[in-house]
Amino acid sequence: MSAPMASATDRSFAIERIFDAPVERVFRLWTDPALVAQWWGIRDCTIPHCVLDVRVGGRWRIDMRTSSGALYRNQGSYLEIVENIRLIYSDEPDPELREWAGKPPGQSRHTVTFTPDAQRTHVHFEVTLASVADRERLLALGMRGGWTQSFDRLEQMIGANHAG
């Protein structure tokens, strides 16, 4: 007997932010690898490798090195791109991460929606995990906090380059 499939709501979490920049700029900050490498990841990390092939079916890979020296390889593919409106991409967990203890979670789907609000941009970021268990596990490991730190870094970058 198989268990019923959990709804997407039970498998997901969302973060909402308003950035003080026009939607075209915020979308570019999510799609230009040179810019993504400046804000993506947790506080005090570096991004030694960032390649984004921003087209449906294109692959992305971002390697994050923490201040303690741990390397986290993140990768997936783009599923939907509507310029200045929405990005949907898969995230394929690195099976080698020690945190998985040999049991990596399933692939997740990230949906980023950009809504103009005068000269600001409302971003709705939703992560849908493969299972409820994956959601609970990744939240316990700090996934929401990590993304919140990324958004804080993005906000600081926008504020520092407000004229740009």
C-alpha atoms as a PDB file:
ATOM      1  CA  MET A   1       0.000   0.000   0.000  1.00  0.00           C
ATOM      2  CA  SER A   2       1.473   3.355  -0.979  1.00  0.00           C
ATOM      3  CA  ALA A   3       1.025   6.562   0.984  1.00  0.00           C
ATOM      4  CA  PRO A   4      -0.916   9.360  -0.719  1.00  0.00           C
ATOM      5  CA  MET A   5       1.253  12.026  -2.359  1.00  0.00           C
ATOM      6  CA  ALA A   6       1.659  15.050  -0.096  1.00  0.00           C
ATOM      7  CA  SER A   7       0.340  18.282  -1.534  1.00  0.00           C
ATOM      8  CA  ALA A   8       2.830  20.865  -2.795  1.00  0.00           C
ATOM      9  CA  THR A   9       1.820  23.083   0.145  1.00  0.00           C
ATOM     10  CA  ASP A  10       2.944  20.404   2.628  1.00  0.00           C
ATOM     11  CA  ARG A  11       6.264  20.082   0.795  1.00  0.00           C
ATOM     12  CA  SER A  12       7.098  23.774   0.367  1.00  0.00           C
ATOM     13  CA  PHE A  13       8.044  26.990   2.103  1.00  0.00           C
ATOM     14  CA  ALA A  14       8.138  30.565   0.854  1.00  0.00           C
ATOM     15  CA  ILE A  15       9.993  33.802   1.536  1.00  0.00           C
ATOM     16  CA  GLU A  16       8.665  37.221   0.516  1.00  0.00           C
ATOM     17  CA  ARG A  17      10.851  40.311   0.118  1.00  0.00           C
ATOM     18  CA  ILE A  18      10.526  43.783  -1.346  1.00  0.00           C
ATOM     19  CA  PHE A  19      13.715  45.151  -2.897  1.00  0.00           C
ATOM     20  CA  ASP A  20      14.315  48.845  -3.519  1.00  0.00           C
ATOM     21  CA  ALA A  21      15.098  48.448  -7.230  1.00  0.00           C
ATOM     22  CA  PRO A  22      13.085  48.141 -10.453  1.00  0.00           C
ATOM     23  CA  VAL A  23      12.022  44.665 -11.533  1.00  0.00           C
ATOM     24  CA  GLU A  24      14.412  44.612 -14.538  1.00  0.00           C
ATOM     25  CA  ARG A  25      17.372  45.163 -12.235  1.00  0.00           C
ATOM     26  CA  VAL A  26      16.286  42.572  -9.673  1.00  0.00           C
ATOM     27  CA  PHE A  27      15.676  39.993 -12.433  1.00  0.00           C
ATOM     28  CA  ARG A  28      19.178  40.685 -13.806  1.00  0.00           C
ATOM     29  CA  LEU A  29      20.628  40.210 -10.304  1.00  0.00           C
ATOM     30  CA  TRP A  30      19.160  36.661 -10.421  1.00  0.00           C
ATOM     31  CA  THR A  31      20.332  35.832 -13.959  1.00  0.00           C
ATOM     32  CA  ASP A  32      23.790  37.401 -14.450  1.00  0.00           C
ATOM     33  CA  PRO A  33      26.411  35.025 -12.988  1.00  0.00           C
ATOM     34  CA  ALA A  34      28.848  37.852 -12.153  1.00  0.00           C
ATOM     35  CA  LEU A  35      26.118  39.505 -10.070  1.00  0.00           C
ATOM     36  CA  VAL A  36      24.675  36.309  -8.549  1.00  0.00           C
ATOM     37  CA  ALA A  37      28.160  35.406  -7.272  1.00  0.00           C
ATOM     38  CA  GLN A  38      28.179  38.641  -5.240  1.00  0.00           C
ATOM     39  CA  TRP A  39      25.013  37.950  -3.202  1.00  0.00           C
ATOM     40  CA  TRP A  40      24.139  34.260  -3.375  1.00  0.00           C
ATOM     41  CA  GLY A  41      24.809  32.147  -0.287  1.00  0.00           C
ATOM     42  CA  ILE A  42      25.102  32.487   3.443  1.00  0.00           C
ATOM     43  CA  ARG A  43      26.836  35.298   5.298  1.00  0.00           C
ATOM     44  CA  ASP A  44      30.657  35.322   4.928  1.00  0.00           C
ATOM     45  CA  CYS A  45      30.729  32.700   2.168  1.00  0.00           C
ATOM     46  CA  THR A  46      32.472  32.990  -1.181  1.00  0.00           C
ATOM     47  CA  ILE A  47      31.311  31.732  -4.576  1.00  0.00           C
ATOM     48  CA  PRO A  48      34.358  30.258  -6.377  1.00  0.00           C
ATOM     49  CA  HIS A  49      32.252  28.912  -9.276  1.00  0.00           C
ATOM     50  CA  CYS A  50      29.040  30.366 -10.746  1.00  0.00           C
ATOM     51  CA  VAL A  51      27.791  29.367 -14.197  1.00  0.00           C
ATOM     52  CA  LEU A  52      24.211  30.094 -15.275  1.00  0.00           C
ATOM     53  CA  ASP A  53      22.894  29.009 -18.682  1.00  0.00           C
ATOM     54  CA  VAL A  54      19.635  30.948 -18.318  1.00  0.00           C
ATOM     55  CA  ARG A  55      17.377  29.281 -20.881  1.00  0.00           C
ATOM     56  CA  VAL A  56      14.785  26.536 -20.558  1.00  0.00           C
ATOM     57  CA  GLY A  57      16.761  23.310 -20.254  1.00  0.00           C
ATOM     58  CA  GLY A  58      19.956  25.233 -19.477  1.00  0.00           C
ATOM     59  CA  ARG A  59      22.031  24.135 -16.508  1.00  0.00           C
ATOM     60  CA  TRP A  60      23.196  26.214 -13.549  1.00  0.00           C
ATOM     61  CA  ARG A  61      25.895  25.510 -10.986  1.00  0.00           C
ATOM     62  CA  ILE A  62      26.929  27.602  -8.000  1.00  0.00           C
ATOM     63  CA  ASP A  63      29.630  26.425  -5.610  1.00  0.00           C
ATOM     64  CA  MET A  64      29.529  28.039  -2.173  1.00  0.00           C
ATOM     65  CA  ARG A  65      32.516  27.942   0.186  1.00  0.00           C
ATOM     66  CA  THR A  66      31.695  28.714   3.812  1.00  0.00           C
ATOM     67  CA  SER A  67      34.001  30.713   6.077  1.00  0.00           C
ATOM     68  CA  SER A  68      35.035  27.382   7.667  1.00  0.00           C
ATOM     69  CA  GLY A  69      36.154  26.104   4.250  1.00  0.00           C
ATOM     70  CA  ALA A  70      33.311  23.652   3.544  1.00  0.00           C
ATOM     71  CA  LEU A  71      32.335  23.510  -0.141  1.00  0.00           C
ATOM     72  CA  TYR A  72      28.707  23.100  -1.184  1.00  0.00           C
ATOM     73  CA  ARG A  73      28.014  22.393  -4.861  1.00  0.00           C
ATOM     74  CA  ASN A  74      24.564  23.510  -5.982  1.00  0.00           C
ATOM     75  CA  GLN A  75      23.183  22.719  -9.415  1.00  0.00           C
ATOM     76  CA  GLY A  76      20.098  22.128 -11.463  1.00  0.00           C
ATOM     77  CA  SER A  77      18.341  23.202 -14.623  1.00  0.00           C
ATOM     78  CA  TYR A  78      15.999  25.971 -15.688  1.00  0.00           C
ATOM     79  CA  LEU A  79      12.403  24.819 -16.200  1.00  0.00           C
ATOM     80  CA  GLU A  80      10.666  28.116 -17.032  1.00  0.00           C
ATOM     81  CA  ILE A  81      11.891  31.644 -17.706  1.00  0.00           C
ATOM     82  CA  VAL A  82       9.614  34.635 -18.240  1.00  0.00           C
ATOM     83  CA  GLU A  83      11.891  37.676 -18.322  1.00  0.00           C
ATOM     84  CA  ASN A  84      11.265  40.121 -15.457  1.00  0.00           C
ATOM     85  CA  ILE A  85       8.340  37.985 -14.226  1.00  0.00           C
ATOM     86  CA  ARG A  86       9.345  34.451 -13.189  1.00  0.00           C
ATOM     87  CA  LEU A  87      12.181  31.940 -12.927  1.00  0.00           C
ATOM     88  CA  ILE A  88      11.540  28.279 -12.166  1.00  0.00           C
ATOM     89  CA  TYR A  89      14.467  25.939 -11.766  1.00  0.00           C
ATOM     90  CA  SER A  90      15.305  22.563 -10.286  1.00  0.00           C
ATOM     91  CA  ASP A  91      17.856  22.066  -7.532  1.00  0.00           C
ATOM     92  CA  GLU A  92      19.615  18.701  -7.523  1.00  0.00           C
ATOM     93  CA  PRO A  93      21.236  17.930  -4.153  1.00  0.00           C
ATOM     94  CA  ASP A  94      24.927  16.991  -4.228  1.00  0.00           C
ATOM     95  CA  PRO A  95      24.895  13.317  -3.140  1.00  0.00           C
ATOM     96  CA  GLU A  96      28.405  13.703  -1.656  1.00  0.00           C
ATOM     97  CA  LEU A  97      27.432  16.161   1.111  1.00  0.00           C
ATOM     98  CA  ARG A  98      28.201  14.778   4.561  1.00  0.00           C
ATOM     99  CA  GLU A  99      24.955  16.303   5.878  1.00  0.00           C
ATOM    100  CA  TRP A 100      22.999  13.743   3.868  1.00  0.00           C
ATOM    101  CA  ALA A 101      24.706  10.815   5.628  1.00  0.00           C
ATOM    102  CA  GLY A 102      24.436   8.848   2.370  1.00  0.00           C
ATOM    103  CA  LYS A 103      20.726   9.651   1.936  1.00  0.00           C
ATOM    104  CA  PRO A 104      20.388  12.840  -0.136  1.00  0.00           C
ATOM    105  CA  PRO A 105      16.965  14.460  -0.460  1.00  0.00           C
ATOM    106  CA  GLY A 106      15.126  14.404  -3.765  1.00  0.00           C
ATOM    107  CA  GLN A 107      15.239  17.168  -6.345  1.00  0.00           C
ATOM    108  CA  SER A 108      13.440  20.385  -5.440  1.00  0.00           C
ATOM    109  CA  ARG A 109      11.753  23.077  -7.526  1.00  0.00           C
ATOM    110  CA  HIS A 110      12.398  26.774  -6.876  1.00  0.00           C
ATOM    111  CA  THR A 111       9.954  29.380  -8.185  1.00  0.00           C
ATOM    112  CA  VAL A 112      10.948  33.051  -8.071  1.00  0.00           C
ATOM    113  CA  THR A 113       8.226  35.541  -8.993  1.00  0.00           C
ATOM    114  CA  PHE A 114       9.088  39.208  -9.606  1.00  0.00           C
ATOM    115  CA  THR A 115       6.260  41.756  -9.281  1.00  0.00           C
ATOM    116  CA  PRO A 116       6.879  45.451  -9.958  1.00  0.00           C
ATOM    117  CA  ASP A 117       5.813  47.871  -7.241  1.00  0.00           C
ATOM    118  CA  ALA A 118       6.612  51.353  -8.637  1.00  0.00           C
ATOM    119  CA  GLN A 119      10.440  51.508  -8.478  1.00  0.00           C
ATOM    120  CA  ARG A 120      10.578  48.537  -6.113  1.00  0.00           C
ATOM    121  CA  THR A 121      10.232  44.805  -6.735  1.00  0.00           C
ATOM    122  CA  HIS A 122       8.256  42.287  -4.700  1.00  0.00           C
ATOM    123  CA  VAL A 123       9.933  38.860  -4.829  1.00  0.00           C
ATOM    124  CA  HIS A 124       8.021  35.716  -3.906  1.00  0.00           C
ATOM    125  CA  PHE A 125      10.439  32.798  -3.539  1.00  0.00           C
ATOM    126  CA  GLU A 126       8.977  29.325  -3.095  1.00  0.00           C
ATOM    127  CA  VAL A 127      10.826  26.045  -2.673  1.00  0.00           C
ATOM    128  CA  THR A 128       8.890  22.823  -3.232  1.00  0.00           C
ATOM    129  CA  LEU A 129      10.724  19.759  -1.940  1.00  0.00           C
ATOM    130  CA  ALA A 130      10.291  16.178  -3.132  1.00  0.00           C
ATOM    131  CA  SER A 131       8.582  15.083   0.105  1.00  0.00           C
ATOM    132  CA  VAL A 132       7.325  16.343   3.452  1.00  0.00           C
ATOM    133  CA  ALA A 133      10.263  14.535   5.080  1.00  0.00           C
ATOM    134  CA  ASP A 134      12.728  16.400   2.810  1.00  0.00           C
ATOM    135  CA  ARG A 135      11.039  19.693   3.713  1.00  0.00           C
ATOM    136  CA  GLU A 136      11.343  19.032   7.444  1.00  0.00           C
ATOM    137  CA  ARG A 137      14.923  17.828   7.111  1.00  0.00           C
ATOM    138  CA  LEU A 138      16.097  20.800   5.026  1.00  0.00           C
ATOM    139  CA  LEU A 139      14.339  23.335   7.234  1.00  0.00           C
ATOM    140  CA  ALA A 140      15.995  21.706  10.277  1.00  0.00           C
ATOM    141  CA  LEU A 141      19.374  22.047   8.506  1.00  0.00           C
ATOM    142  CA  GLY A 142      18.720  25.784   8.046  1.00  0.00           C
ATOM    143  CA  MET A 143      17.615  26.109   4.423  1.00  0.00           C
ATOM    144  CA  ARG A 144      15.154  28.948   5.134  1.00  0.00           C
ATOM    145  CA  GLY A 145      17.787  30.789   7.192  1.00  0.00           C
ATOM    146  CA  GLY A 146      20.356  30.348   4.421  1.00  0.00           C
ATOM    147  CA  TRP A 147      18.018  31.824   1.827  1.00  0.00           C
ATOM    148  CA  THR A 148      17.120  34.660   4.197  1.00  0.00           C
ATOM    149  CA  GLN A 149      20.855  35.442   4.502  1.00  0.00           C
ATOM    150  CA  SER A 150      21.128  35.401   0.683  1.00  0.00           C
ATOM    151  CA  PHE A 151      18.236  37.853   0.435  1.00  0.00           C
ATOM    152  CA  ASP A 152      19.872  40.051   3.096  1.00  0.00           C
ATOM    153  CA  ARG A 153      23.060  40.063   0.993  1.00  0.00           C
ATOM    154  CA  LEU A 154      21.048  40.903  -2.140  1.00  0.00           C
ATOM    155  CA  GLU A 155      19.360  43.769  -0.298  1.00  0.00           C
ATOM    156  CA  GLN A 156      22.748  45.098   0.882  1.00  0.00           C
ATOM    157  CA  MET A 157      24.108  44.873  -2.672  1.00  0.00           C
ATOM    158  CA  ILE A 158      21.122  46.827  -4.030  1.00  0.00           C
ATOM    159  CA  GLY A 159      21.522  49.450  -1.299  1.00  0.00           C
ATOM    160  CA  ALA A 160      25.283  49.791  -1.894  1.00  0.00           C
ATOM    161  CA  ASN A 161      24.778  50.224  -5.643  1.00  0.00           C
ATOM    162  CA  HIS A 162      21.551  52.202  -5.473  1.00  0.00           C
ATOM    163  CA  ALA A 163      22.623  54.502  -8.299  1.00  0.00           C
ATOM    164  CA  GLY A 164      23.570  51.530 -10.511  1.00  0.00           C
END
